[in-house]
């Protein structure tokens, strides 16, 4: 799965502030391929650069196309964002579902996230170029979202889905492997037996509780190393205590 194979396409964007904000969101979440279809403003003006902040490389590298079909020419899958629920459109994806859906496609080729105009979104002919549709479940009181906010939400959910697929949750490192965990549990069992914390006749009774506690914590490799260090320190202290008692 590869975020570099995902392009963000803005169709006829009207505001330089939005374009700059989209660039910043893209760089926030690890995306770099921005495509602009017939932009209604100069995307390199100062307002856009000011909103892009340190994401100006994304802004400056943005490709400009005359039509959506041209922008999609190298893409094998396009997901269009819309709130237009026509009777021939089914299986709308929410942003989190879209992230999980599109990531496997990035292993095969390029995928596009297509966003429409600030005032009227994507036209029917443009939606016809997309294979699936994304809708953001907003309230009827104000159903339309700001363009850059909608892009940010979709990119966040896609990046989060990638992290989850790699075993990362809430910014944590990859979770420890079963092999590492079982090694730690064996060490812990022996250490706690040696200091008479566990009942030698039924040590698993308490150990199961520890497994549940650590399971809820979702230990990563660093966590396991810290716990292994704790057991080793207890082993050393216990060995020293026994030396003194035997003297």
Protein backbone atom coordinates (compact mmCIF):
# COMPACT_ATOMS: atom_id res chain seq x y z
CA UNK A 1 0.00 0.00 0.00
CA UNK A 2 1.46 3.29 -1.11
CA UNK A 3 0.17 6.83 -0.49
CA UNK A 4 2.37 8.11 -3.33
CA UNK A 5 0.03 6.29 -5.70
CA UNK A 6 -2.92 8.42 -4.58
CA UNK A 7 -3.55 11.71 -6.33
CA UNK A 8 -5.86 14.49 -5.15
CA UNK A 9 -7.80 16.15 -7.94
CA UNK A 10 -9.56 19.49 -7.51
CA UNK A 11 -12.00 20.30 -10.30
CA UNK A 12 -12.24 24.02 -11.10
CA UNK A 13 -11.19 25.23 -7.64
CA UNK A 14 -12.23 28.83 -7.14
CA UNK A 15 -10.27 29.98 -4.09
CA UNK A 16 -6.50 30.21 -3.69
CA UNK A 17 -6.89 29.92 0.09
CA UNK A 18 -8.58 26.55 -0.35
CA UNK A 19 -5.91 25.34 -2.75
CA UNK A 20 -3.16 26.30 -0.33
CA UNK A 21 -5.00 24.66 2.57
CA UNK A 22 -5.39 21.44 0.56
CA UNK A 23 -1.63 21.39 -0.04
CA UNK A 24 -0.98 21.74 3.67
CA UNK A 25 -3.40 18.90 4.47
CA UNK A 26 -1.77 16.71 1.84
CA UNK A 27 1.67 17.20 3.34
CA UNK A 28 0.26 16.69 6.87
CA UNK A 29 -0.92 13.20 5.96
CA UNK A 30 1.78 12.09 3.52
CA UNK A 31 0.29 12.86 0.09
CA UNK A 32 2.13 14.72 -2.66
CA UNK A 33 0.32 14.38 -6.04
CA UNK A 34 -2.03 17.36 -6.52
CA UNK A 35 -3.85 17.83 -9.81
CA UNK A 36 -5.92 20.89 -10.71
CA UNK A 37 -8.56 20.75 -13.43
CA UNK A 38 -9.18 24.13 -15.07
CA UNK A 39 -8.52 26.18 -11.90
CA UNK A 40 -10.46 29.44 -11.80
CA UNK A 41 -7.57 31.28 -10.15
CA UNK A 42 -3.79 31.31 -10.36
CA UNK A 43 -2.87 28.61 -7.86
CA UNK A 44 0.57 30.11 -7.27
CA UNK A 45 -0.59 33.49 -5.94
CA UNK A 46 0.50 34.71 -2.52
CA UNK A 47 -2.76 33.73 -0.77
CA UNK A 48 -2.30 30.10 -1.81
CA UNK A 49 1.36 30.10 -0.76
CA UNK A 50 0.49 31.66 2.58
CA UNK A 51 -2.07 28.95 3.37
CA UNK A 52 0.22 26.16 2.16
CA UNK A 53 2.88 27.27 4.67
CA UNK A 54 5.66 24.63 4.43
CA UNK A 55 3.73 22.61 1.86
CA UNK A 56 4.71 24.97 -0.96
CA UNK A 57 6.55 22.11 -2.77
CA UNK A 58 3.18 20.34 -3.19
CA UNK A 59 1.65 23.57 -4.49
CA UNK A 60 4.47 24.30 -6.91
CA UNK A 61 4.48 20.74 -8.27
CA UNK A 62 0.72 20.68 -8.89
CA UNK A 63 -0.19 19.59 -12.42
CA UNK A 64 -2.86 21.53 -14.31
CA UNK A 65 -5.27 19.87 -16.75
CA UNK A 66 -7.99 21.15 -19.06
CA UNK A 67 -10.46 18.40 -18.19
CA UNK A 68 -11.06 15.69 -15.61
CA UNK A 69 -10.67 12.88 -18.13
CA UNK A 70 -7.11 14.03 -18.83
CA UNK A 71 -6.32 14.24 -15.13
CA UNK A 72 -7.56 10.67 -14.69
CA UNK A 73 -5.80 9.22 -17.72
CA UNK A 74 -3.22 7.27 -15.69
CA UNK A 75 -5.58 6.28 -12.86
CA UNK A 76 -7.13 2.85 -12.55
CA UNK A 77 -9.67 3.93 -9.92
CA UNK A 78 -11.37 7.24 -9.19
CA UNK A 79 -13.47 8.04 -6.13
CA UNK A 80 -15.60 11.15 -6.51
CA UNK A 81 -16.97 13.13 -3.59
CA UNK A 82 -20.62 14.15 -3.75
CA UNK A 83 -23.84 14.72 -1.87
CA UNK A 84 -26.00 14.15 -4.92
CA UNK A 85 -27.89 10.93 -4.33
CA UNK A 86 -29.17 9.93 -7.77
CA UNK A 87 -31.24 6.75 -8.06
CA UNK A 88 -28.50 5.13 -10.16
CA UNK A 89 -25.85 5.74 -7.54
CA UNK A 90 -25.57 3.16 -4.80
CA UNK A 91 -23.04 1.96 -2.28
CA UNK A 92 -21.79 5.35 -1.19
CA UNK A 93 -18.66 5.20 0.94
CA UNK A 94 -18.02 7.27 4.04
CA UNK A 95 -14.43 8.59 4.25
CA UNK A 96 -13.27 5.84 6.62
CA UNK A 97 -14.73 3.16 4.36
CA UNK A 98 -13.17 4.81 1.32
CA UNK A 99 -9.74 4.73 2.94
CA UNK A 100 -9.95 1.00 3.57
CA UNK A 101 -11.39 0.38 0.11
CA UNK A 102 -8.84 2.25 -1.98
CA UNK A 103 -5.59 1.31 -0.24
CA UNK A 104 -5.31 -2.20 -1.73
CA UNK A 105 -5.72 -0.63 -5.19
CA UNK A 106 -2.58 1.44 -4.65
CA UNK A 107 -0.54 -1.75 -4.92
CA UNK A 108 -1.72 -2.12 -8.52
CA UNK A 109 -1.48 1.46 -9.75
CA UNK A 110 -2.66 5.02 -9.30
CA UNK A 111 -5.88 5.99 -7.51
CA UNK A 112 -7.62 9.38 -7.54
CA UNK A 113 -9.66 11.23 -4.93
CA UNK A 114 -11.75 13.73 -6.88
CA UNK A 115 -13.25 16.86 -5.33
CA UNK A 116 -15.61 19.29 -7.04
CA UNK A 117 -16.17 23.02 -7.09
CA UNK A 118 -16.72 24.96 -3.89
CA UNK A 119 -20.19 26.11 -4.98
CA UNK A 120 -21.69 23.15 -6.87
CA UNK A 121 -19.40 20.16 -6.53
CA UNK A 122 -18.89 17.67 -9.36
CA UNK A 123 -21.18 17.64 -12.38
CA UNK A 124 -22.97 14.48 -13.45
CA UNK A 125 -20.65 14.01 -16.42
CA UNK A 126 -17.67 14.24 -14.07
CA UNK A 127 -19.17 11.78 -11.60
CA UNK A 128 -19.63 9.38 -14.52
CA UNK A 129 -15.82 9.23 -14.76
CA UNK A 130 -15.60 7.93 -11.17
CA UNK A 131 -16.12 4.29 -10.24
CA UNK A 132 -17.16 4.86 -6.62
CA UNK A 133 -18.55 7.79 -4.64
CA UNK A 134 -17.64 9.22 -1.25
CA UNK A 135 -20.12 11.18 0.83
CA UNK A 136 -19.47 12.85 4.17
CA UNK A 137 -22.38 12.39 6.61
CA UNK A 138 -23.10 16.00 7.55
CA UNK A 139 -26.36 17.36 8.94
CA UNK A 140 -29.19 18.69 6.79
CA UNK A 141 -28.89 22.08 8.49
CA UNK A 142 -25.59 22.66 6.64
CA UNK A 143 -24.78 19.69 4.40
CA UNK A 144 -21.94 21.14 2.32
CA UNK A 145 -18.42 21.31 3.70
CA UNK A 146 -15.62 23.68 2.90
CA UNK A 147 -13.46 22.17 0.15
CA UNK A 148 -10.21 22.03 2.09
CA UNK A 149 -11.96 20.61 5.15
CA UNK A 150 -13.54 17.85 3.07
CA UNK A 151 -10.17 17.00 1.54
CA UNK A 152 -8.52 16.98 4.98
CA UNK A 153 -11.12 14.60 6.35
CA UNK A 154 -10.75 12.15 3.48
CA UNK A 155 -6.95 12.23 3.60
CA UNK A 156 -6.92 11.76 7.37
CA UNK A 157 -9.15 8.68 7.15
CA UNK A 158 -7.02 7.22 4.36
CA UNK A 159 -3.78 7.79 6.27
CA UNK A 160 -5.37 6.34 9.41
CA UNK A 161 -6.47 3.24 7.50
CA UNK A 162 -2.92 2.79 6.25
CA UNK A 163 -1.57 3.06 9.78
CA UNK A 164 -4.07 0.52 11.05
CA UNK A 165 -3.16 -1.86 8.23
CA UNK A 166 0.47 -1.60 9.33
CA UNK A 167 -0.42 -2.31 12.94
CA UNK A 168 -0.19 1.30 14.12
CA UNK A 169 -2.93 2.81 16.27
CA UNK A 170 -3.21 6.41 17.47
CA UNK A 171 0.36 7.24 16.51
CA UNK A 172 1.87 4.26 18.32
CA UNK A 173 4.66 2.17 16.87
CA UNK A 174 3.88 -1.17 15.30
CA UNK A 175 2.51 -3.55 17.91
CA UNK A 176 4.82 -6.27 19.21
CA UNK A 177 4.74 -9.65 17.48
CA UNK A 178 3.24 -12.71 19.12
CA UNK A 179 6.71 -14.21 19.38
CA UNK A 180 8.04 -11.21 21.31
CA UNK A 181 5.01 -11.15 23.60
CA UNK A 182 5.21 -14.85 24.40
CA UNK A 183 8.92 -14.53 25.17
CA UNK A 184 8.13 -11.71 27.56
CA UNK A 185 5.32 -13.70 29.19
CA UNK A 186 7.62 -16.71 29.73
CA UNK A 187 10.22 -14.49 31.34
CA UNK A 188 7.59 -12.80 33.50
CA UNK A 189 6.18 -16.14 34.64
CA UNK A 190 9.56 -17.45 35.74
CA UNK A 191 10.48 -14.19 37.47
CA UNK A 192 7.22 -14.03 39.41
CA UNK A 193 7.55 -17.66 40.37
CA UNK A 194 11.09 -17.07 41.63
CA UNK A 195 9.96 -14.28 43.97
CA UNK A 196 6.98 -16.37 45.14
CA UNK A 197 4.46 -13.93 43.71
CA UNK A 198 2.71 -16.69 41.76
CA UNK A 199 1.25 -19.88 43.14
CA UNK A 200 3.48 -22.58 41.71
CA UNK A 201 0.51 -24.97 41.65
CA UNK A 202 -1.62 -22.61 39.52
CA UNK A 203 0.48 -19.76 38.08
CA UNK A 204 -1.75 -19.26 35.02
CA UNK A 205 -4.62 -17.90 37.12
CA UNK A 206 -2.85 -14.57 37.74
CA UNK A 207 -0.92 -14.67 34.47
CA UNK A 208 -4.19 -14.62 32.50
CA UNK A 209 -5.09 -11.35 34.21
CA UNK A 210 -1.73 -9.89 33.22
CA UNK A 211 -2.32 -11.03 29.64
CA UNK A 212 -5.65 -9.23 29.57
CA UNK A 213 -4.13 -6.07 31.07
CA UNK A 214 -1.25 -6.00 28.59
CA UNK A 215 -3.57 -7.03 25.75
CA UNK A 216 -5.74 -3.98 26.33
CA UNK A 217 -2.60 -1.81 26.39
CA UNK A 218 -1.52 -3.04 22.93
CA UNK A 219 2.18 -3.33 23.69
CA UNK A 220 4.69 -2.29 21.06
CA UNK A 221 8.30 -3.46 20.78
CA UNK A 222 9.60 -0.73 23.09
CA UNK A 223 7.00 -1.61 25.74
CA UNK A 224 8.12 -5.24 25.62
CA UNK A 225 11.78 -4.26 26.00
CA UNK A 226 10.96 -2.11 29.02
CA UNK A 227 9.05 -4.95 30.68
CA UNK A 228 11.83 -7.41 29.88
CA UNK A 229 14.23 -4.98 31.54
CA UNK A 230 11.99 -4.90 34.62
CA UNK A 231 11.90 -8.69 34.90
CA UNK A 232 15.69 -8.84 34.45
CA UNK A 233 16.18 -6.28 37.22
CA UNK A 234 13.91 -8.26 39.53
CA UNK A 235 15.90 -11.40 38.65
CA UNK A 236 19.14 -9.66 39.65
CA UNK A 237 17.70 -8.30 42.91
CA UNK A 238 16.34 -11.74 43.80
CA UNK A 239 19.68 -13.40 43.02
CA UNK A 240 21.49 -10.90 45.27
CA UNK A 241 18.95 -11.47 48.06
CA UNK A 242 19.50 -15.22 47.86
CA UNK A 243 23.29 -14.79 47.97
CA UNK A 244 22.99 -12.81 51.20
CA UNK A 245 20.56 -15.27 52.75
CA UNK A 246 22.88 -18.19 51.91
CA UNK A 247 25.96 -16.46 53.32
